[in-house]
Amino acid sequence: MTAPQLYVSFPGTAREALGFYAEIFGGELSLYTYAEFSRTDGPLDAIARGPEWAGFTGGI
């Protein structure tokens, strides 16, 4: 059986929100922008993907 995937969206506040959660839960914060994924469906400096912690994958 496939486990559910948690997907969290922080429109406009992803950088601050994910930084806060990284402080709380620990781990390395790696943020990737729309530009880094060659996406054009949003602002190029917006966060497209956030951190991956043990058992948790945070997508934006």
PDB file of N, CA and C in Angstrom:
ATOM      1  N   MET A   1       0.842  -1.181   0.000  1.00  0.00           N
ATOM      2  CA  MET A   1       0.000   0.000   0.000  1.00  0.00           C
ATOM      3  C   MET A   1       0.883   1.238   0.000  1.00  0.00           C
ATOM      4  N   THR A   2       0.535   2.223  -0.783  1.00  0.00           N
ATOM      5  CA  THR A   2       1.290   3.464  -0.870  1.00  0.00           C
ATOM      6  C   THR A   2       0.888   4.401   0.265  1.00  0.00           C
ATOM      7  N   ALA A   3       1.892   5.013   0.888  1.00  0.00           N
ATOM      8  CA  ALA A   3       1.633   5.969   1.972  1.00  0.00           C
ATOM      9  C   ALA A   3       1.213   7.312   1.388  1.00  0.00           C
ATOM     10  N   PRO A   4       0.378   8.062   2.107  1.00  0.00           N
ATOM     11  CA  PRO A   4      -0.016   9.389   1.627  1.00  0.00           C
ATOM     12  C   PRO A   4       1.196  10.324   1.567  1.00  0.00           C
ATOM     13  N   GLN A   5       1.164  11.250   0.638  1.00  0.00           N
ATOM     14  CA  GLN A   5       2.204  12.257   0.493  1.00  0.00           C
ATOM     15  C   GLN A   5       1.669  13.577   1.035  1.00  0.00           C
ATOM     16  N   LEU A   6       2.425  14.198   1.939  1.00  0.00           N
ATOM     17  CA  LEU A   6       2.052  15.493   2.488  1.00  0.00           C
ATOM     18  C   LEU A   6       2.569  16.585   1.578  1.00  0.00           C
ATOM     19  N   TYR A   7       1.705  17.491   1.176  1.00  0.00           N
ATOM     20  CA  TYR A   7       2.077  18.599   0.306  1.00  0.00           C
ATOM     21  C   TYR A   7       1.559  19.864   0.959  1.00  0.00           C
ATOM     22  N   VAL A   8       2.460  20.782   1.266  1.00  0.00           N
ATOM     23  CA  VAL A   8       2.096  22.006   1.965  1.00  0.00           C
ATOM     24  C   VAL A   8       2.400  23.195   1.075  1.00  0.00           C
ATOM     25  N   SER A   9       1.497  24.155   1.051  1.00  0.00           N
ATOM     26  CA  SER A   9       1.676  25.347   0.224  1.00  0.00           C
ATOM     27  C   SER A   9       1.716  26.586   1.114  1.00  0.00           C
ATOM     28  N   PHE A  10       2.706  27.433   0.875  1.00  0.00           N
ATOM     29  CA  PHE A  10       2.848  28.701   1.595  1.00  0.00           C
ATOM     30  C   PHE A  10       2.972  29.823   0.571  1.00  0.00           C
ATOM     31  N   PRO A  11       1.873  30.233  -0.063  1.00  0.00           N
ATOM     32  CA  PRO A  11       1.946  31.249  -1.113  1.00  0.00           C
ATOM     33  C   PRO A  11       2.557  32.559  -0.611  1.00  0.00           C
ATOM     34  N   GLY A  12       3.724  32.901  -1.148  1.00  0.00           N
ATOM     35  CA  GLY A  12       4.374  34.165  -0.807  1.00  0.00           C
ATOM     36  C   GLY A  12       5.168  34.167   0.484  1.00  0.00           C
ATOM     37  N   THR A  13       5.039  33.116   1.314  1.00  0.00           N
ATOM     38  CA  THR A  13       5.741  33.095   2.599  1.00  0.00           C
ATOM     39  C   THR A  13       6.557  31.819   2.800  1.00  0.00           C
ATOM     40  N   ALA A  14       6.785  31.077   1.726  1.00  0.00           N
ATOM     41  CA  ALA A  14       7.452  29.777   1.842  1.00  0.00           C
ATOM     42  C   ALA A  14       8.836  29.882   2.470  1.00  0.00           C
ATOM     43  N   ARG A  15       9.639  30.851   2.039  1.00  0.00           N
ATOM     44  CA  ARG A  15      11.001  30.980   2.559  1.00  0.00           C
ATOM     45  C   ARG A  15      10.984  31.174   4.081  1.00  0.00           C
ATOM     46  N   GLU A  16      10.142  32.058   4.563  1.00  0.00           N
ATOM     47  CA  GLU A  16      10.059  32.325   6.000  1.00  0.00           C
ATOM     48  C   GLU A  16       9.465  31.137   6.757  1.00  0.00           C
ATOM     49  N   ALA A  17       8.401  30.573   6.230  1.00  0.00           N
ATOM     50  CA  ALA A  17       7.725  29.451   6.906  1.00  0.00           C
ATOM     51  C   ALA A  17       8.634  28.232   6.993  1.00  0.00           C
ATOM     52  N   LEU A  18       9.283  27.879   5.898  1.00  0.00           N
ATOM     53  CA  LEU A  18      10.140  26.695   5.913  1.00  0.00           C
ATOM     54  C   LEU A  18      11.381  26.915   6.767  1.00  0.00           C
ATOM     55  N   GLY A  19      11.873  28.155   6.822  1.00  0.00           N
ATOM     56  CA  GLY A  19      12.974  28.477   7.733  1.00  0.00           C
ATOM     57  C   GLY A  19      12.563  28.273   9.187  1.00  0.00           C
ATOM     58  N   PHE A  20      11.344  28.681   9.515  1.00  0.00           N
ATOM     59  CA  PHE A  20      10.814  28.499  10.868  1.00  0.00           C
ATOM     60  C   PHE A  20      10.732  27.010  11.213  1.00  0.00           C
ATOM     61  N   TYR A  21      10.171  26.210  10.301  1.00  0.00           N
ATOM     62  CA  TYR A  21      10.039  24.775  10.559  1.00  0.00           C
ATOM     63  C   TYR A  21      11.395  24.085  10.643  1.00  0.00           C
ATOM     64  N   ALA A  22      12.363  24.540   9.880  1.00  0.00           N
ATOM     65  CA  ALA A  22      13.707  23.960   9.959  1.00  0.00           C
ATOM     66  C   ALA A  22      14.308  24.213  11.336  1.00  0.00           C
ATOM     67  N   GLU A  23      14.054  25.398  11.911  1.00  0.00           N
ATOM     68  CA  GLU A  23      14.536  25.692  13.262  1.00  0.00           C
ATOM     69  C   GLU A  23      13.876  24.776  14.286  1.00  0.00           C
ATOM     70  N   ILE A  24      12.587  24.530  14.122  1.00  0.00           N
ATOM     71  CA  ILE A  24      11.826  23.704  15.066  1.00  0.00           C
ATOM     72  C   ILE A  24      12.229  22.229  14.969  1.00  0.00           C
ATOM     73  N   PHE A  25      12.232  21.683  13.737  1.00  0.00           N
ATOM     74  CA  PHE A  25      12.446  20.258  13.542  1.00  0.00           C
ATOM     75  C   PHE A  25      13.890  19.885  13.247  1.00  0.00           C
ATOM     76  N   GLY A  26      14.731  20.873  12.995  1.00  0.00           N
ATOM     77  CA  GLY A  26      16.127  20.601  12.658  1.00  0.00           C
ATOM     78  C   GLY A  26      16.271  20.188  11.212  1.00  0.00           C
ATOM     79  N   GLY A  27      17.458  19.818  10.852  1.00  0.00           N
ATOM     80  CA  GLY A  27      17.720  19.411   9.472  1.00  0.00           C
ATOM     81  C   GLY A  27      18.276  20.551   8.649  1.00  0.00           C
ATOM     82  N   GLU A  28      18.713  20.215   7.462  1.00  0.00           N
ATOM     83  CA  GLU A  28      19.295  21.200   6.551  1.00  0.00           C
ATOM     84  C   GLU A  28      18.204  21.768   5.661  1.00  0.00           C
ATOM     85  N   LEU A  29      18.165  23.082   5.549  1.00  0.00           N
ATOM     86  CA  LEU A  29      17.160  23.746   4.735  1.00  0.00           C
ATOM     87  C   LEU A  29      17.723  23.986   3.337  1.00  0.00           C
ATOM     88  N   SER A  30      17.135  23.347   2.356  1.00  0.00           N
ATOM     89  CA  SER A  30      17.509  23.526   0.953  1.00  0.00           C
ATOM     90  C   SER A  30      16.264  23.993   0.216  1.00  0.00           C
ATOM     91  N   LEU A  31      16.308  25.206  -0.298  1.00  0.00           N
ATOM     92  CA  LEU A  31      15.172  25.753  -1.022  1.00  0.00           C
ATOM     93  C   LEU A  31      15.531  25.904  -2.490  1.00  0.00           C
ATOM     94  N   TYR A  32      14.582  25.628  -3.355  1.00  0.00           N
ATOM     95  CA  TYR A  32      14.802  25.701  -4.789  1.00  0.00           C
ATOM     96  C   TYR A  32      13.754  26.619  -5.411  1.00  0.00           C
ATOM     97  N   THR A  33      14.198  27.532  -6.240  1.00  0.00           N
ATOM     98  CA  THR A  33      13.300  28.513  -6.838  1.00  0.00           C
ATOM     99  C   THR A  33      12.713  28.015  -8.159  1.00  0.00           C
ATOM    100  N   TYR A  34      11.702  28.719  -8.613  1.00  0.00           N
ATOM    101  CA  TYR A  34      11.116  28.416  -9.915  1.00  0.00           C
ATOM    102  C   TYR A  34      12.188  28.504 -10.997  1.00  0.00           C
ATOM    103  N   ALA A  35      13.062  29.482 -10.914  1.00  0.00           N
ATOM    104  CA  ALA A  35      14.119  29.654 -11.916  1.00  0.00           C
ATOM    105  C   ALA A  35      15.034  28.432 -11.974  1.00  0.00           C
ATOM    106  N   GLU A  36      15.346  27.845 -10.817  1.00  0.00           N
ATOM    107  CA  GLU A  36      16.230  26.680 -10.783  1.00  0.00           C
ATOM    108  C   GLU A  36      15.603  25.451 -11.443  1.00  0.00           C
ATOM    109  N   PHE A  37      14.267  25.424 -11.522  1.00  0.00           N
ATOM    110  CA  PHE A  37      13.563  24.332 -12.183  1.00  0.00           C
ATOM    111  C   PHE A  37      13.089  24.728 -13.582  1.00  0.00           C
ATOM    112  N   SER A  38      13.528  25.890 -14.043  1.00  0.00           N
ATOM    113  CA  SER A  38      13.124  26.422 -15.356  1.00  0.00           C
ATOM    114  C   SER A  38      11.609  26.527 -15.491  1.00  0.00           C
ATOM    115  N   ARG A  39      10.949  26.834 -14.373  1.00  0.00           N
ATOM    116  CA  ARG A  39       9.493  26.998 -14.393  1.00  0.00           C
ATOM    117  C   ARG A  39       9.162  28.439 -14.738  1.00  0.00           C
ATOM    118  N   THR A  40       8.092  28.635 -15.459  1.00  0.00           N
ATOM    119  CA  THR A  40       7.661  29.974 -15.849  1.00  0.00           C
ATOM    120  C   THR A  40       6.244  30.275 -15.383  1.00  0.00           C
ATOM    121  N   ASP A  41       5.682  29.415 -14.536  1.00  0.00           N
ATOM    122  CA  ASP A  41       4.305  29.590 -14.082  1.00  0.00           C
ATOM    123  C   ASP A  41       4.206  30.357 -12.775  1.00  0.00           C
ATOM    124  N   GLY A  42       5.264  31.072 -12.405  1.00  0.00           N
ATOM    125  CA  GLY A  42       5.267  31.884 -11.199  1.00  0.00           C
ATOM    126  C   GLY A  42       6.500  32.759 -11.179  1.00  0.00           C
ATOM    127  N   PRO A  43       6.628  33.604 -10.152  1.00  0.00           N
ATOM    128  CA  PRO A  43       7.809  34.458 -10.042  1.00  0.00           C
ATOM    129  C   PRO A  43       9.085  33.615  -9.971  1.00  0.00           C
ATOM    130  N   LEU A  44      10.104  34.009 -10.700  1.00  0.00           N
ATOM    131  CA  LEU A  44      11.330  33.211 -10.772  1.00  0.00           C
ATOM    132  C   LEU A  44      12.022  33.044  -9.429  1.00  0.00           C
ATOM    133  N   ASP A  45      11.836  34.004  -8.498  1.00  0.00           N
ATOM    134  CA  ASP A  45      12.481  33.891  -7.186  1.00  0.00           C
ATOM    135  C   ASP A  45      11.595  33.202  -6.148  1.00  0.00           C
ATOM    136  N   ALA A  46      10.376  32.786  -6.550  1.00  0.00           N
ATOM    137  CA  ALA A  46       9.473  32.080  -5.632  1.00  0.00           C
ATOM    138  C   ALA A  46      10.010  30.673  -5.369  1.00  0.00           C
ATOM    139  N   ILE A  47       9.711  30.146  -4.191  1.00  0.00           N
ATOM    140  CA  ILE A  47      10.167  28.810  -3.820  1.00  0.00           C
ATOM    141  C   ILE A  47       9.286  27.767  -4.503  1.00  0.00           C
ATOM    142  N   ALA A  48       9.921  26.883  -5.261  1.00  0.00           N
ATOM    143  CA  ALA A  48       9.200  25.825  -5.961  1.00  0.00           C
ATOM    144  C   ALA A  48       9.246  24.513  -5.184  1.00  0.00           C
ATOM    145  N   ARG A  49      10.287  24.324  -4.401  1.00  0.00           N
ATOM    146  CA  ARG A  49      10.438  23.079  -3.642  1.00  0.00           C
ATOM    147  C   ARG A  49      11.203  23.379  -2.371  1.00  0.00           C
ATOM    148  N   GLY A  50      10.746  22.768  -1.301  1.00  0.00           N
ATOM    149  CA  GLY A  50      11.373  22.993  -0.011  1.00  0.00           C
ATOM    150  C   GLY A  50      12.148  21.801   0.491  1.00  0.00           C
ATOM    151  N   PRO A  51      12.300  21.717   1.798  1.00  0.00           N
ATOM    152  CA  PRO A  51      13.184  20.716   2.406  1.00  0.00           C
ATOM    153  C   PRO A  51      12.615  19.307   2.380  1.00  0.00           C
ATOM    154  N   GLU A  52      13.518  18.375   2.529  1.00  0.00           N
ATOM    155  CA  GLU A  52      13.135  16.978   2.708  1.00  0.00           C
ATOM    156  C   GLU A  52      13.770  16.502   4.000  1.00  0.00           C
ATOM    157  N   TRP A  53      12.933  16.197   4.972  1.00  0.00           N
ATOM    158  CA  TRP A  53      13.409  15.672   6.246  1.00  0.00           C
ATOM    159  C   TRP A  53      13.081  14.204   6.313  1.00  0.00           C
ATOM    160  N   ALA A  54      13.674  13.484   7.215  1.00  0.00           N
ATOM    161  CA  ALA A  54      13.444  12.040   7.353  1.00  0.00           C
ATOM    162  C   ALA A  54      11.954  11.742   7.356  1.00  0.00           C
ATOM    163  N   GLY A  55      11.491  11.078   6.337  1.00  0.00           N
ATOM    164  CA  GLY A  55      10.090  10.703   6.255  1.00  0.00           C
ATOM    165  C   GLY A  55       9.169  11.812   5.805  1.00  0.00           C
ATOM    166  N   PHE A  56       9.670  13.019   5.647  1.00  0.00           N
ATOM    167  CA  PHE A  56       8.838  14.144   5.237  1.00  0.00           C
ATOM    168  C   PHE A  56       9.445  14.792   4.017  1.00  0.00           C
ATOM    169  N   THR A  57       8.655  14.925   2.979  1.00  0.00           N
ATOM    170  CA  THR A  57       9.076  15.642   1.787  1.00  0.00           C
ATOM    171  C   THR A  57       8.177  16.829   1.655  1.00  0.00           C
ATOM    172  N   GLY A  58       8.748  18.037   1.690  1.00  0.00           N
ATOM    173  CA  GLY A  58       7.958  19.244   1.588  1.00  0.00           C
ATOM    174  C   GLY A  58       7.980  19.810   0.194  1.00  0.00           C
ATOM    175  N   GLY A  59       6.891  19.751  -0.504  1.00  0.00           N
ATOM    176  CA  GLY A  59       6.781  20.352  -1.821  1.00  0.00           C
ATOM    177  C   GLY A  59       6.008  21.654  -1.723  1.00  0.00           C
ATOM    178  N   ILE A  60       6.309  22.612  -2.622  1.00  0.00           N
ATOM    179  CA  ILE A  60       5.615  23.895  -2.616  1.00  0.00           C
ATOM    180  C   ILE A  60       4.803  24.035  -3.861  1.00  0.00           C
TER     181      ILE A  60
END
